[in-house]
PDB file of N, CA and C in Angstrom:
ATOM      1  N   UNK A   1      24.052 -18.957 -74.260  1.00  0.00           N
ATOM      2  CA  UNK A   1      22.925 -18.962 -75.168  1.00  0.00           C
ATOM      3  C   UNK A   1      22.227 -17.604 -75.100  1.00  0.00           C
ATOM      4  N   UNK A   2      22.154 -16.945 -76.196  1.00  0.00           N
ATOM      5  CA  UNK A   2      21.537 -15.633 -76.268  1.00  0.00           C
ATOM      6  C   UNK A   2      20.146 -15.775 -76.869  1.00  0.00           C
ATOM      7  N   UNK A   3      19.251 -14.913 -76.367  1.00  0.00           N
ATOM      8  CA  UNK A   3      17.917 -14.938 -76.969  1.00  0.00           C
ATOM      9  C   UNK A   3      17.816 -13.768 -77.931  1.00  0.00           C
ATOM     10  N   UNK A   4      17.410 -14.055 -79.111  1.00  0.00           N
ATOM     11  CA  UNK A   4      17.259 -13.029 -80.137  1.00  0.00           C
ATOM     12  C   UNK A   4      15.779 -12.848 -80.423  1.00  0.00           C
ATOM     13  N   UNK A   5      15.357 -11.597 -80.447  1.00  0.00           N
ATOM     14  CA  UNK A   5      13.970 -11.293 -80.801  1.00  0.00           C
ATOM     15  C   UNK A   5      13.968 -10.958 -82.277  1.00  0.00           C
ATOM     16  N   UNK A   6      13.157 -11.669 -82.997  1.00  0.00           N
ATOM     17  CA  UNK A   6      13.098 -11.462 -84.438  1.00  0.00           C
ATOM     18  C   UNK A   6      12.237 -10.261 -84.765  1.00  0.00           C
ATOM     19  N   UNK A   7      12.350  -9.790 -85.968  1.00  0.00           N
ATOM     20  CA  UNK A   7      11.542  -8.673 -86.446  1.00  0.00           C
ATOM     21  C   UNK A   7      10.068  -9.019 -86.392  1.00  0.00           C
ATOM     22  N   UNK A   8       9.744 -10.241 -86.697  1.00  0.00           N
ATOM     23  CA  UNK A   8       8.344 -10.671 -86.675  1.00  0.00           C
ATOM     24  C   UNK A   8       7.803 -10.630 -85.247  1.00  0.00           C
ATOM     25  N   UNK A   9       8.594 -11.025 -84.261  1.00  0.00           N
ATOM     26  CA  UNK A   9       8.152 -10.978 -82.872  1.00  0.00           C
ATOM     27  C   UNK A   9       7.956  -9.525 -82.420  1.00  0.00           C
ATOM     28  N   UNK A  10       8.835  -8.637 -82.835  1.00  0.00           N
ATOM     29  CA  UNK A  10       8.680  -7.219 -82.507  1.00  0.00           C
ATOM     30  C   UNK A  10       7.407  -6.647 -83.113  1.00  0.00           C
ATOM     31  N   UNK A  11       7.137  -7.021 -84.352  1.00  0.00           N
ATOM     32  CA  UNK A  11       5.904  -6.560 -85.011  1.00  0.00           C
ATOM     33  C   UNK A  11       4.676  -7.063 -84.257  1.00  0.00           C
ATOM     34  N   UNK A  12       4.691  -8.332 -83.858  1.00  0.00           N
ATOM     35  CA  UNK A  12       3.552  -8.893 -83.119  1.00  0.00           C
ATOM     36  C   UNK A  12       3.368  -8.180 -81.781  1.00  0.00           C
ATOM     37  N   UNK A  13       4.451  -7.887 -81.079  1.00  0.00           N
ATOM     38  CA  UNK A  13       4.348  -7.167 -79.813  1.00  0.00           C
ATOM     39  C   UNK A  13       3.800  -5.757 -80.034  1.00  0.00           C
ATOM     40  N   UNK A  14       4.256  -5.103 -81.090  1.00  0.00           N
ATOM     41  CA  UNK A  14       3.774  -3.764 -81.405  1.00  0.00           C
ATOM     42  C   UNK A  14       2.283  -3.789 -81.738  1.00  0.00           C
ATOM     43  N   UNK A  15       1.888  -4.744 -82.576  1.00  0.00           N
ATOM     44  CA  UNK A  15       0.473  -4.871 -82.959  1.00  0.00           C
ATOM     45  C   UNK A  15      -0.374  -5.161 -81.725  1.00  0.00           C
ATOM     46  N   UNK A  16       0.104  -6.032 -80.850  1.00  0.00           N
ATOM     47  CA  UNK A  16      -0.627  -6.358 -79.630  1.00  0.00           C
ATOM     48  C   UNK A  16      -0.794  -5.106 -78.760  1.00  0.00           C
ATOM     49  N   UNK A  17       0.262  -4.306 -78.632  1.00  0.00           N
ATOM     50  CA  UNK A  17       0.196  -3.084 -77.827  1.00  0.00           C
ATOM     51  C   UNK A  17      -0.801  -2.088 -78.419  1.00  0.00           C
ATOM     52  N   UNK A  18      -0.786  -1.935 -79.746  1.00  0.00           N
ATOM     53  CA  UNK A  18      -1.714  -1.015 -80.406  1.00  0.00           C
ATOM     54  C   UNK A  18      -3.154  -1.483 -80.219  1.00  0.00           C
ATOM     55  N   UNK A  19      -3.395  -2.775 -80.400  1.00  0.00           N
ATOM     56  CA  UNK A  19      -4.751  -3.320 -80.221  1.00  0.00           C
ATOM     57  C   UNK A  19      -5.206  -3.122 -78.782  1.00  0.00           C
ATOM     58  N   UNK A  20      -4.325  -3.345 -77.827  1.00  0.00           N
ATOM     59  CA  UNK A  20      -4.666  -3.165 -76.418  1.00  0.00           C
ATOM     60  C   UNK A  20      -5.055  -1.715 -76.126  1.00  0.00           C
ATOM     61  N   UNK A  21      -4.311  -0.768 -76.670  1.00  0.00           N
ATOM     62  CA  UNK A  21      -4.628   0.650 -76.479  1.00  0.00           C
ATOM     63  C   UNK A  21      -5.963   0.996 -77.123  1.00  0.00           C
ATOM     64  N   UNK A  22      -6.196   0.516 -78.334  1.00  0.00           N
ATOM     65  CA  UNK A  22      -7.453   0.815 -79.026  1.00  0.00           C
ATOM     66  C   UNK A  22      -8.650   0.223 -78.300  1.00  0.00           C
ATOM     67  N   UNK A  23      -8.527  -1.000 -77.838  1.00  0.00           N
ATOM     68  CA  UNK A  23      -9.644  -1.642 -77.138  1.00  0.00           C
ATOM     69  C   UNK A  23      -9.925  -0.927 -75.825  1.00  0.00           C
ATOM     70  N   UNK A  24      -8.889  -0.567 -75.100  1.00  0.00           N
ATOM     71  CA  UNK A  24      -9.115   0.108 -73.820  1.00  0.00           C
ATOM     72  C   UNK A  24      -9.661   1.517 -74.018  1.00  0.00           C
ATOM     73  N   UNK A  25      -9.336   2.174 -75.126  1.00  0.00           N
ATOM     74  CA  UNK A  25      -9.860   3.518 -75.369  1.00  0.00           C
ATOM     75  C   UNK A  25     -11.329   3.487 -75.762  1.00  0.00           C
ATOM     76  N   UNK A  26     -11.820   2.349 -76.218  1.00  0.00           N
ATOM     77  CA  UNK A  26     -13.227   2.222 -76.590  1.00  0.00           C
ATOM     78  C   UNK A  26     -14.090   1.803 -75.406  1.00  0.00           C
ATOM     79  N   UNK A  27     -13.486   1.545 -74.276  1.00  0.00           N
ATOM     80  CA  UNK A  27     -14.263   1.135 -73.104  1.00  0.00           C
ATOM     81  C   UNK A  27     -15.193   2.269 -72.708  1.00  0.00           C
ATOM     82  N   UNK A  28     -16.384   1.916 -72.300  1.00  0.00           N
ATOM     83  CA  UNK A  28     -17.357   2.942 -71.945  1.00  0.00           C
ATOM     84  C   UNK A  28     -17.025   3.526 -70.576  1.00  0.00           C
ATOM     85  N   UNK A  29     -17.268   4.819 -70.443  1.00  0.00           N
ATOM     86  CA  UNK A  29     -17.068   5.509 -69.178  1.00  0.00           C
ATOM     87  C   UNK A  29     -18.344   5.329 -68.367  1.00  0.00           C
ATOM     88  N   UNK A  30     -18.235   4.929 -67.106  1.00  0.00           N
ATOM     89  CA  UNK A  30     -19.452   4.735 -66.323  1.00  0.00           C
ATOM     90  C   UNK A  30     -20.215   6.047 -66.170  1.00  0.00           C
ATOM     91  N   UNK A  31     -21.536   5.950 -66.219  1.00  0.00           N
ATOM     92  CA  UNK A  31     -22.382   7.126 -66.094  1.00  0.00           C
ATOM     93  C   UNK A  31     -22.249   7.694 -64.693  1.00  0.00           C
ATOM     94  N   UNK A  32     -22.219   9.016 -64.599  1.00  0.00           N
ATOM     95  CA  UNK A  32     -22.051   9.658 -63.294  1.00  0.00           C
ATOM     96  C   UNK A  32     -23.299   9.464 -62.457  1.00  0.00           C
ATOM     97  N   UNK A  33     -23.094   9.094 -61.221  1.00  0.00           N
ATOM     98  CA  UNK A  33     -24.208   9.010 -60.288  1.00  0.00           C
ATOM     99  C   UNK A  33     -23.951   9.997 -59.165  1.00  0.00           C
ATOM    100  N   UNK A  34     -25.000  10.625 -58.702  1.00  0.00           N
ATOM    101  CA  UNK A  34     -24.863  11.660 -57.688  1.00  0.00           C
ATOM    102  C   UNK A  34     -25.508  11.264 -56.375  1.00  0.00           C
ATOM    103  N   UNK A  35     -25.859  10.023 -56.236  1.00  0.00           N
ATOM    104  CA  UNK A  35     -26.538   9.613 -55.016  1.00  0.00           C
ATOM    105  C   UNK A  35     -25.575   9.633 -53.845  1.00  0.00           C
ATOM    106  N   UNK A  36     -26.059  10.084 -52.728  1.00  0.00           N
ATOM    107  CA  UNK A  36     -25.259  10.130 -51.515  1.00  0.00           C
ATOM    108  C   UNK A  36     -26.201  10.210 -50.328  1.00  0.00           C
ATOM    109  N   UNK A  37     -25.886   9.472 -49.299  1.00  0.00           N
ATOM    110  CA  UNK A  37     -26.745   9.507 -48.118  1.00  0.00           C
ATOM    111  C   UNK A  37     -26.607  10.835 -47.379  1.00  0.00           C
ATOM    112  N   UNK A  38     -25.552  11.591 -47.656  1.00  0.00           N
ATOM    113  CA  UNK A  38     -25.357  12.863 -46.967  1.00  0.00           C
ATOM    114  C   UNK A  38     -25.787  14.065 -47.804  1.00  0.00           C
ATOM    115  N   UNK A  39     -26.181  13.861 -49.057  1.00  0.00           N
ATOM    116  CA  UNK A  39     -26.586  14.962 -49.936  1.00  0.00           C
ATOM    117  C   UNK A  39     -28.012  15.370 -49.617  1.00  0.00           C
ATOM    118  N   UNK A  40     -28.230  16.649 -49.398  1.00  0.00           N
ATOM    119  CA  UNK A  40     -29.571  17.155 -49.131  1.00  0.00           C
ATOM    120  C   UNK A  40     -29.612  18.632 -49.510  1.00  0.00           C
ATOM    121  N   UNK A  41     -30.673  19.020 -50.207  1.00  0.00           N
ATOM    122  CA  UNK A  41     -30.874  20.418 -50.583  1.00  0.00           C
ATOM    123  C   UNK A  41     -32.254  20.825 -50.097  1.00  0.00           C
ATOM    124  N   UNK A  42     -32.320  21.938 -49.390  1.00  0.00           N
ATOM    125  CA  UNK A  42     -33.612  22.438 -48.925  1.00  0.00           C
ATOM    126  C   UNK A  42     -33.830  23.813 -49.537  1.00  0.00           C
ATOM    127  N   UNK A  43     -34.977  23.973 -50.175  1.00  0.00           N
ATOM    128  CA  UNK A  43     -35.351  25.239 -50.796  1.00  0.00           C
ATOM    129  C   UNK A  43     -36.571  25.750 -50.042  1.00  0.00           C
ATOM    130  N   UNK A  44     -36.505  26.990 -49.574  1.00  0.00           N
ATOM    131  CA  UNK A  44     -37.604  27.552 -48.795  1.00  0.00           C
ATOM    132  C   UNK A  44     -38.046  28.865 -49.414  1.00  0.00           C
ATOM    133  N   UNK A  45     -39.359  29.016 -49.591  1.00  0.00           N
ATOM    134  CA  UNK A  45     -39.926  30.296 -50.002  1.00  0.00           C
ATOM    135  C   UNK A  45     -40.715  30.802 -48.806  1.00  0.00           C
ATOM    136  N   UNK A  46     -40.230  31.878 -48.218  1.00  0.00           N
ATOM    137  CA  UNK A  46     -40.816  32.386 -46.985  1.00  0.00           C
ATOM    138  C   UNK A  46     -42.067  33.218 -47.200  1.00  0.00           C
ATOM    139  N   UNK A  47     -42.645  33.630 -46.084  1.00  0.00           N
ATOM    140  CA  UNK A  47     -43.882  34.412 -46.115  1.00  0.00           C
ATOM    141  C   UNK A  47     -43.588  35.856 -46.499  1.00  0.00           C
ATOM    142  N   UNK A  48     -44.636  36.581 -46.862  1.00  0.00           N
ATOM    143  CA  UNK A  48     -44.517  37.987 -47.234  1.00  0.00           C
ATOM    144  C   UNK A  48     -45.622  38.763 -46.535  1.00  0.00           C
ATOM    145  N   UNK A  49     -45.720  40.054 -46.815  1.00  0.00           N
ATOM    146  CA  UNK A  49     -46.783  40.873 -46.237  1.00  0.00           C
ATOM    147  C   UNK A  49     -48.020  40.816 -47.130  1.00  0.00           C
ATOM    148  N   UNK A  50     -48.552  39.668 -47.316  1.00  0.00           N
ATOM    149  CA  UNK A  50     -49.725  39.481 -48.161  1.00  0.00           C
ATOM    150  C   UNK A  50     -50.117  38.019 -48.159  1.00  0.00           C
ATOM    151  N   UNK A  51     -50.669  37.563 -49.283  1.00  0.00           N
ATOM    152  CA  UNK A  51     -51.125  36.181 -49.353  1.00  0.00           C
ATOM    153  C   UNK A  51     -50.251  35.343 -50.279  1.00  0.00           C
ATOM    154  N   UNK A  52     -48.993  35.679 -50.382  1.00  0.00           N
ATOM    155  CA  UNK A  52     -48.131  34.873 -51.244  1.00  0.00           C
ATOM    156  C   UNK A  52     -47.848  33.527 -50.576  1.00  0.00           C
ATOM    157  N   UNK A  53     -47.758  32.482 -51.388  1.00  0.00           N
ATOM    158  CA  UNK A  53     -47.558  31.148 -50.830  1.00  0.00           C
ATOM    159  C   UNK A  53     -46.167  30.999 -50.201  1.00  0.00           C
ATOM    160  N   UNK A  54     -46.137  30.265 -49.114  1.00  0.00           N
ATOM    161  CA  UNK A  54     -44.873  29.932 -48.458  1.00  0.00           C
ATOM    162  C   UNK A  54     -44.764  28.414 -48.427  1.00  0.00           C
ATOM    163  N   UNK A  55     -43.596  27.893 -48.776  1.00  0.00           N
ATOM    164  CA  UNK A  55     -43.420  26.445 -48.843  1.00  0.00           C
ATOM    165  C   UNK A  55     -41.962  26.070 -48.628  1.00  0.00           C
ATOM    166  N   UNK A  56     -41.743  24.774 -48.474  1.00  0.00           N
ATOM    167  CA  UNK A  56     -40.391  24.249 -48.314  1.00  0.00           C
ATOM    168  C   UNK A  56     -40.305  22.936 -49.080  1.00  0.00           C
ATOM    169  N   UNK A  57     -39.207  22.744 -49.801  1.00  0.00           N
ATOM    170  CA  UNK A  57     -38.985  21.493 -50.542  1.00  0.00           C
ATOM    171  C   UNK A  57     -37.594  20.971 -50.196  1.00  0.00           C
ATOM    172  N   UNK A  58     -37.496  19.665 -49.987  1.00  0.00           N
ATOM    173  CA  UNK A  58     -36.213  19.033 -49.681  1.00  0.00           C
ATOM    174  C   UNK A  58     -35.947  17.936 -50.697  1.00  0.00           C
ATOM    175  N   UNK A  59     -34.746  17.945 -51.257  1.00  0.00           N
ATOM    176  CA  UNK A  59     -34.316  16.915 -52.211  1.00  0.00           C
ATOM    177  C   UNK A  59     -33.132  16.203 -51.573  1.00  0.00           C
ATOM    178  N   UNK A  60     -33.214  14.884 -51.504  1.00  0.00           N
ATOM    179  CA  UNK A  60     -32.146  14.102 -50.866  1.00  0.00           C
ATOM    180  C   UNK A  60     -31.389  13.271 -51.895  1.00  0.00           C
ATOM    181  N   UNK A  61     -30.221  12.789 -51.493  1.00  0.00           N
ATOM    182  CA  UNK A  61     -29.354  12.003 -52.364  1.00  0.00           C
ATOM    183  C   UNK A  61     -29.941  10.684 -52.811  1.00  0.00           C
ATOM    184  N   UNK A  62     -30.937  10.184 -52.092  1.00  0.00           N
ATOM    185  CA  UNK A  62     -31.597   8.945 -52.525  1.00  0.00           C
ATOM    186  C   UNK A  62     -32.680   9.225 -53.563  1.00  0.00           C
ATOM    187  N   UNK A  63     -32.720  10.463 -54.089  1.00  0.00           N
ATOM    188  CA  UNK A  63     -33.635  10.947 -55.127  1.00  0.00           C
ATOM    189  C   UNK A  63     -35.035  11.235 -54.600  1.00  0.00           C
ATOM    190  N   UNK A  64     -35.239  11.205 -53.292  1.00  0.00           N
ATOM    191  CA  UNK A  64     -36.563  11.496 -52.745  1.00  0.00           C
ATOM    192  C   UNK A  64     -36.766  13.006 -52.644  1.00  0.00           C
ATOM    193  N   UNK A  65     -38.015  13.420 -52.837  1.00  0.00           N
ATOM    194  CA  UNK A  65     -38.392  14.831 -52.768  1.00  0.00           C
ATOM    195  C   UNK A  65     -39.554  14.953 -51.796  1.00  0.00           C
ATOM    196  N   UNK A  66     -39.472  15.945 -50.908  1.00  0.00           N
ATOM    197  CA  UNK A  66     -40.540  16.195 -49.942  1.00  0.00           C
ATOM    198  C   UNK A  66     -40.940  17.661 -50.070  1.00  0.00           C
ATOM    199  N   UNK A  67     -42.221  17.899 -50.357  1.00  0.00           N
ATOM    200  CA  UNK A  67     -42.763  19.253 -50.476  1.00  0.00           C
ATOM    201  C   UNK A  67     -43.682  19.489 -49.290  1.00  0.00           C
ATOM    202  N   UNK A  68     -43.435  20.583 -48.556  1.00  0.00           N
ATOM    203  CA  UNK A  68     -44.249  20.899 -47.388  1.00  0.00           C
ATOM    204  C   UNK A  68     -44.808  22.309 -47.523  1.00  0.00           C
ATOM    205  N   UNK A  69     -46.132  22.429 -47.651  1.00  0.00           N
ATOM    206  CA  UNK A  69     -46.730  23.763 -47.701  1.00  0.00           C
ATOM    207  C   UNK A  69     -46.684  24.400 -46.311  1.00  0.00           C
ATOM    208  N   UNK A  70     -46.411  25.699 -46.268  1.00  0.00           N
ATOM    209  CA  UNK A  70     -46.350  26.395 -44.984  1.00  0.00           C
ATOM    210  C   UNK A  70     -47.564  27.307 -44.817  1.00  0.00           C
ATOM    211  N   UNK A  71     -47.865  28.106 -45.847  1.00  0.00           N
ATOM    212  CA  UNK A  71     -48.959  29.067 -45.729  1.00  0.00           C
ATOM    213  C   UNK A  71     -49.495  29.427 -47.107  1.00  0.00           C
ATOM    214  N   UNK A  72     -50.802  29.617 -47.203  1.00  0.00           N
ATOM    215  CA  UNK A  72     -51.491  30.067 -48.419  1.00  0.00           C
ATOM    216  C   UNK A  72     -51.314  29.121 -49.610  1.00  0.00           C
ATOM    217  N   UNK A  73     -51.307  27.834 -49.369  1.00  0.00           N
ATOM    218  CA  UNK A  73     -51.290  26.838 -50.441  1.00  0.00           C
ATOM    219  C   UNK A  73     -52.485  25.927 -50.221  1.00  0.00           C
ATOM    220  N   UNK A  74     -53.329  25.852 -51.245  1.00  0.00           N
ATOM    221  CA  UNK A  74     -54.534  25.021 -51.157  1.00  0.00           C
ATOM    222  C   UNK A  74     -54.469  23.895 -52.170  1.00  0.00           C
ATOM    223  N   UNK A  75     -54.743  22.693 -51.810  1.00  0.00           N
ATOM    224  CA  UNK A  75     -54.925  22.203 -50.445  1.00  0.00           C
ATOM    225  C   UNK A  75     -53.574  22.085 -49.742  1.00  0.00           C
ATOM    226  N   UNK A  76     -53.547  22.332 -48.440  1.00  0.00           N
ATOM    227  CA  UNK A  76     -52.281  22.304 -47.695  1.00  0.00           C
ATOM    228  C   UNK A  76     -51.829  20.868 -47.384  1.00  0.00           C
ATOM    229  N   UNK A  77     -51.431  20.150 -48.416  1.00  0.00           N
ATOM    230  CA  UNK A  77     -51.078  18.734 -48.273  1.00  0.00           C
ATOM    231  C   UNK A  77     -49.594  18.541 -48.585  1.00  0.00           C
ATOM    232  N   UNK A  78     -48.900  17.832 -47.701  1.00  0.00           N
ATOM    233  CA  UNK A  78     -47.501  17.493 -47.965  1.00  0.00           C
ATOM    234  C   UNK A  78     -47.448  16.496 -49.106  1.00  0.00           C
ATOM    235  N   UNK A  79     -46.442  16.620 -49.949  1.00  0.00           N
ATOM    236  CA  UNK A  79     -46.307  15.713 -51.090  1.00  0.00           C
ATOM    237  C   UNK A  79     -44.915  15.102 -51.088  1.00  0.00           C
ATOM    238  N   UNK A  80     -44.852  13.857 -51.553  1.00  0.00           N
ATOM    239  CA  UNK A  80     -43.597  13.113 -51.626  1.00  0.00           C
ATOM    240  C   UNK A  80     -43.438  12.572 -53.035  1.00  0.00           C
ATOM    241  N   UNK A  81     -42.226  12.499 -53.512  1.00  0.00           N
ATOM    242  CA  UNK A  81     -41.980  11.967 -54.848  1.00  0.00           C
ATOM    243  C   UNK A  81     -40.510  11.632 -55.015  1.00  0.00           C
ATOM    244  N   UNK A  82     -40.144  11.341 -56.258  1.00  0.00           N
ATOM    245  CA  UNK A  82     -38.743  11.055 -56.574  1.00  0.00           C
ATOM    246  C   UNK A  82     -38.372  11.765 -57.871  1.00  0.00           C
ATOM    247  N   UNK A  83     -37.080  11.980 -58.059  1.00  0.00           N
ATOM    248  CA  UNK A  83     -36.568  12.542 -59.303  1.00  0.00           C
ATOM    249  C   UNK A  83     -35.593  11.543 -59.906  1.00  0.00           C
ATOM    250  N   UNK A  84     -35.296  11.699 -61.189  1.00  0.00           N
ATOM    251  CA  UNK A  84     -34.365  10.763 -61.833  1.00  0.00           C
ATOM    252  C   UNK A  84     -32.917  11.178 -61.566  1.00  0.00           C
ATOM    253  N   UNK A  85     -31.994  10.270 -61.870  1.00  0.00           N
ATOM    254  CA  UNK A  85     -30.568  10.511 -61.615  1.00  0.00           C
ATOM    255  C   UNK A  85     -30.045  11.732 -62.360  1.00  0.00           C
ATOM    256  N   UNK A  86     -30.505  11.937 -63.593  1.00  0.00           N
ATOM    257  CA  UNK A  86     -30.022  13.070 -64.389  1.00  0.00           C
ATOM    258  C   UNK A  86     -30.396  14.397 -63.731  1.00  0.00           C
ATOM    259  N   UNK A  87     -31.611  14.492 -63.197  1.00  0.00           N
ATOM    260  CA  UNK A  87     -32.050  15.717 -62.531  1.00  0.00           C
ATOM    261  C   UNK A  87     -31.257  15.942 -61.249  1.00  0.00           C
ATOM    262  N   UNK A  88     -31.035  14.872 -60.487  1.00  0.00           N
ATOM    263  CA  UNK A  88     -30.247  14.979 -59.260  1.00  0.00           C
ATOM    264  C   UNK A  88     -28.830  15.456 -59.571  1.00  0.00           C
ATOM    265  N   UNK A  89     -28.222  14.901 -60.615  1.00  0.00           N
ATOM    266  CA  UNK A  89     -26.873  15.320 -61.019  1.00  0.00           C
ATOM    267  C   UNK A  89     -26.868  16.774 -61.485  1.00  0.00           C
ATOM    268  N   UNK A  90     -27.907  17.190 -62.201  1.00  0.00           N
ATOM    269  CA  UNK A  90     -27.990  18.580 -62.666  1.00  0.00           C
ATOM    270  C   UNK A  90     -28.075  19.538 -61.478  1.00  0.00           C
ATOM    271  N   UNK A  91     -28.826  19.166 -60.455  1.00  0.00           N
ATOM    272  CA  UNK A  91     -28.931  20.001 -59.254  1.00  0.00           C
ATOM    273  C   UNK A  91     -27.579  20.062 -58.541  1.00  0.00           C
ATOM    274  N   UNK A  92     -26.934  18.910 -58.387  1.00  0.00           N
ATOM    275  CA  UNK A  92     -25.618  18.869 -57.725  1.00  0.00           C
ATOM    276  C   UNK A  92     -24.591  19.683 -58.506  1.00  0.00           C
ATOM    277  N   UNK A  93     -24.617  19.583 -59.835  1.00  0.00           N
ATOM    278  CA  UNK A  93     -23.687  20.355 -60.669  1.00  0.00           C
ATOM    279  C   UNK A  93     -23.944  21.857 -60.549  1.00  0.00           C
ATOM    280  N   UNK A  94     -25.225  22.245 -60.506  1.00  0.00           N
ATOM    281  CA  UNK A  94     -25.569  23.663 -60.371  1.00  0.00           C
ATOM    282  C   UNK A  94     -25.066  24.211 -59.037  1.00  0.00           C
ATOM    283  N   UNK A  95     -25.189  23.421 -57.986  1.00  0.00           N
ATOM    284  CA  UNK A  95     -24.697  23.853 -56.674  1.00  0.00           C
ATOM    285  C   UNK A  95     -23.177  23.944 -56.687  1.00  0.00           C
ATOM    286  N   UNK A  96     -22.521  22.941 -57.259  1.00  0.00           N
ATOM    287  CA  UNK A  96     -21.052  22.953 -57.334  1.00  0.00           C
ATOM    288  C   UNK A  96     -20.537  24.146 -58.131  1.00  0.00           C
ATOM    289  N   UNK A  97     -21.237  24.514 -59.199  1.00  0.00           N
ATOM    290  CA  UNK A  97     -20.768  25.599 -60.065  1.00  0.00           C
ATOM    291  C   UNK A  97     -20.838  26.962 -59.384  1.00  0.00           C
ATOM    292  N   UNK A  98     -21.648  27.104 -58.332  1.00  0.00           N
ATOM    293  CA  UNK A  98     -21.731  28.385 -57.622  1.00  0.00           C
ATOM    294  C   UNK A  98     -20.523  28.621 -56.733  1.00  0.00           C
ATOM    295  N   UNK A  99     -19.797  27.566 -56.431  1.00  0.00           N
ATOM    296  CA  UNK A  99     -18.624  27.627 -55.545  1.00  0.00           C
ATOM    297  C   UNK A  99     -18.999  28.215 -54.184  1.00  0.00           C
ATOM    298  N   UNK A 100     -20.225  27.968 -53.742  1.00  0.00           N
ATOM    299  CA  UNK A 100     -20.715  28.498 -52.471  1.00  0.00           C
ATOM    300  C   UNK A 100     -19.927  27.964 -51.284  1.00  0.00           C
ATOM    301  N   UNK A 101     -19.396  26.765 -51.401  1.00  0.00           N
ATOM    302  CA  UNK A 101     -18.672  26.176 -50.279  1.00  0.00           C
ATOM    303  C   UNK A 101     -17.242  26.693 -50.179  1.00  0.00           C
ATOM    304  N   UNK A 102     -16.827  27.513 -51.137  1.00  0.00           N
ATOM    305  CA  UNK A 102     -15.502  28.115 -51.098  1.00  0.00           C
ATOM    306  C   UNK A 102     -15.554  29.536 -50.538  1.00  0.00           C
ATOM    307  N   UNK A 103     -16.738  30.002 -50.177  1.00  0.00           N
ATOM    308  CA  UNK A 103     -16.919  31.354 -49.659  1.00  0.00           C
ATOM    309  C   UNK A 103     -16.357  31.453 -48.247  1.00  0.00           C
ATOM    310  N   UNK A 104     -15.697  32.563 -47.963  1.00  0.00           N
ATOM    311  CA  UNK A 104     -15.206  32.792 -46.612  1.00  0.00           C
ATOM    312  C   UNK A 104     -16.348  33.388 -45.798  1.00  0.00           C
ATOM    313  N   UNK A 105     -16.633  32.785 -44.661  1.00  0.00           N
ATOM    314  CA  UNK A 105     -17.791  33.193 -43.884  1.00  0.00           C
ATOM    315  C   UNK A 105     -17.419  34.020 -42.655  1.00  0.00           C
ATOM    316  N   UNK A 106     -16.515  34.956 -42.786  1.00  0.00           N
ATOM    317  CA  UNK A 106     -16.235  35.856 -41.670  1.00  0.00           C
ATOM    318  C   UNK A 106     -16.533  37.276 -42.140  1.00  0.00           C
ATOM    319  N   UNK A 107     -17.416  37.928 -41.426  1.00  0.00           N
ATOM    320  CA  UNK A 107     -17.846  39.268 -41.804  1.00  0.00           C
ATOM    321  C   UNK A 107     -17.686  40.207 -40.613  1.00  0.00           C
ATOM    322  N   UNK A 108     -17.490  41.489 -40.916  1.00  0.00           N
ATOM    323  CA  UNK A 108     -17.466  42.483 -39.855  1.00  0.00           C
ATOM    324  C   UNK A 108     -18.893  42.706 -39.379  1.00  0.00           C
ATOM    325  N   UNK A 109     -19.010  43.289 -38.198  1.00  0.00           N
ATOM    326  CA  UNK A 109     -20.330  43.571 -37.645  1.00  0.00           C
ATOM    327  C   UNK A 109     -21.035  44.590 -38.539  1.00  0.00           C
ATOM    328  N   UNK A 110     -22.233  44.251 -38.983  1.00  0.00           N
ATOM    329  CA  UNK A 110     -23.011  45.134 -39.847  1.00  0.00           C
ATOM    330  C   UNK A 110     -24.297  45.485 -39.106  1.00  0.00           C
ATOM    331  N   UNK A 111     -24.578  46.777 -38.913  1.00  0.00           N
ATOM    332  CA  UNK A 111     -25.809  47.147 -38.198  1.00  0.00           C
ATOM    333  C   UNK A 111     -27.036  46.843 -39.049  1.00  0.00           C
ATOM    334  N   UNK A 112     -28.112  46.451 -38.389  1.00  0.00           N
ATOM    335  CA  UNK A 112     -29.341  46.155 -39.124  1.00  0.00           C
ATOM    336  C   UNK A 112     -30.360  47.290 -39.007  1.00  0.00           C
ATOM    337  N   UNK A 113     -29.959  48.395 -38.422  1.00  0.00           N
ATOM    338  CA  UNK A 113     -30.838  49.559 -38.304  1.00  0.00           C
ATOM    339  C   UNK A 113     -30.150  50.745 -38.979  1.00  0.00           C
ATOM    340  N   UNK A 114     -30.939  51.724 -39.422  1.00  0.00           N
ATOM    341  CA  UNK A 114     -30.329  52.889 -40.060  1.00  0.00           C
ATOM    342  C   UNK A 114     -29.392  53.618 -39.091  1.00  0.00           C
ATOM    343  N   UNK A 115     -28.326  54.134 -39.636  1.00  0.00           N
ATOM    344  CA  UNK A 115     -27.358  54.870 -38.826  1.00  0.00           C
ATOM    345  C   UNK A 115     -27.743  56.345 -38.837  1.00  0.00           C
ATOM    346  N   UNK A 116     -27.790  56.928 -37.659  1.00  0.00           N
ATOM    347  CA  UNK A 116     -28.130  58.354 -37.587  1.00  0.00           C
ATOM    348  C   UNK A 116     -26.899  59.144 -37.172  1.00  0.00           C
ATOM    349  N   UNK A 117     -26.839  60.369 -37.647  1.00  0.00           N
ATOM    350  CA  UNK A 117     -25.664  61.202 -37.338  1.00  0.00           C
ATOM    351  C   UNK A 117     -25.921  62.089 -36.162  1.00  0.00           C
TER     352      UNK A 117
END
């Protein structure tokens, strides 16, 4: 006993395959999330020879932000807040685009004082 597939069955299988491809191509792509318990960015503005403000800000993967005044900021109050997912992703993307983690960190000895002859 042989099984024969009719033209109509082939058409139905083809239509089913096309519908399956179309439906799966319309599926939504999940929105990118950048949260990570190990993600942390610290930005520091150091002191100068004057009265310029010095501060430090830390942004973590849980979207928390901590601002700590160091010098010449009135009132000298630490502040805490949060940022949205889009801002966190934009910061992570900006860091990734610098390729800073691909830098080779071996340097020859460089003197920090002027060289005299």
